């Protein structure tokens, strides 16, 4: 009897034995030779143990290998996976070239194609190999990689000069390439993600030939006469564009770009300071080159008639209120006799400018406050605004300056010395050429420009052109009428000029020599300023004779700047 539960109740029915036990008697079709007729036997313990051992061994090997790959060598394989599977490489942009005003390349790039000699995977920067360009152009710092060849700095960086100031324009934009590599290091595919963009071209206002020749001539003269350095600038008086801007001694900007440690150390340790851009950052006592400025100031202030003559006997004497027996003597560099304004400018009479600067006898002077005011009107002690940067402002001596520096009171003699560009007066060559341009162009103080075609910008100095014309005539007489700039009298170029000599050193054992001017006289187009630095006192051949060969060269080779 079999019982079962159904819908909550228990029921039962009879089951025959043949329904439960199957045997040969009730399976007439049973084939004893086939599997269905065999009697099943249990698996042996030995077989089970062998199978289990194999399984455990496989698992141990798998776990051990996984531990090695993920724990012991996990970081190394992860790095391989990252770097080898998908790798980015930089495509260096070609830096923009720099040309002069005529399209002559003065900075360019060279890509070395010889794998045996090339050490740079990007174009090398190249600079014109002529004198006079180092400080203007500057240098770059190349991209940097580590010992494994990974680039931690991918950009050219302009460090100084034009390379620094216009770095954003010149540098362009790097591109990149993505490379996919399989597990065996084989290249799967390579795609350029971003194409590099070449930097822009920079066209300077500089004439490369004029710059190079001016630098060559000045440096040769400086070496011959014992000057230790110098600077020069030539400016278009209508636009402010610089035709030349040079400074020496120079350093090797090519070596600086290439990271030549010996060249860098030599330049840094050189007592002649070749890293200093003297044209924009060198400060020099101007000496007599400030006299045209103060002549214009005296005329504008109606202190003197340009025809009035003042006697120069070689010195003036000022009574000493503390000791009448010891008057203060202020010397002229020679006795000039009776001189009016034009003649005083031509021969550079100190006595005349003592009188109109600080006053003497019946002649009223500007006084130090007006001297300071007009010097600033002409841009002295004020940065010019040139895009190069790194400018020095300079100094105009004043009573406040003297109290700060010397803790002493201002005296009349200080005004006299300031009126002839001595004492604590400090200017840069670029400031001076800007001031000369304002005299030449009728009274506009221009911002110096380094890019060709830049729109002129400037401010009025507030002095009538009729007064500036008298100053221009005095500067022309300095060249033609036996004045201090007679070395520049060459007939075919109507140059107006002025010279200056400033004593320097603890015992005035050195001199700085200046030459300034403009040309042509009737319709001025270009102004120049040159300073030669620190020659032994008594040196007779200064900046004015140094410029003469340059003007002869200009006349023979660059008529567009002469006519």
Foldseek 3Di string as FASTA:
>chain_A
DDWDDDPNRIDDDDDDPCVPDPDCVVCVPDDCVDPVNDDDDDDDPVVVVVVVVVVVVVVVVVVVVCCCCCPVCVVVVVVCCVPAFKHKDKAFAAFAFEAEQVRHTFKHWADDPPPVPDPDPYTAIDGHPFPFCDQQQFAWAAFDDDPVRHTPGHWIAGDAHPCHLCVVQGTFAMWMKMWGADPVRHTPDIGTPGHTGGGHYFYWNEDVVLQRVLRVLLVVVCVVQVFLWKWKWKAFLVFLETHYTGIDDAADRSCVRVVVVVSVVCLVPDPSNRVDRQQFANKDQAFQLCQLLLLLLLVQVVQDDQPAWDFFQFWDWAADPVDRVDTDIDGWPHGDGIDGNLQCQLAVTLVVLLCQQLRDDPGHHCYLVSVVLSCVLLPALHRLPESRDPGGRWDQDDQVNCCVPPVDGDDSVVRSQSSRRADRGIGGQNSSQQSQSCLQQFFWRWRRYTGPPDGIDTDGSPGGNVSSLSSLSSQLCSCVVVGPLVLQPDPQKSKGKGKGWYQDDPVSQWIKIKMWTFTDSPRTTMIMIMIGHTGGPPRDDHDSNSCNVSVVCCVVPPCVVGD
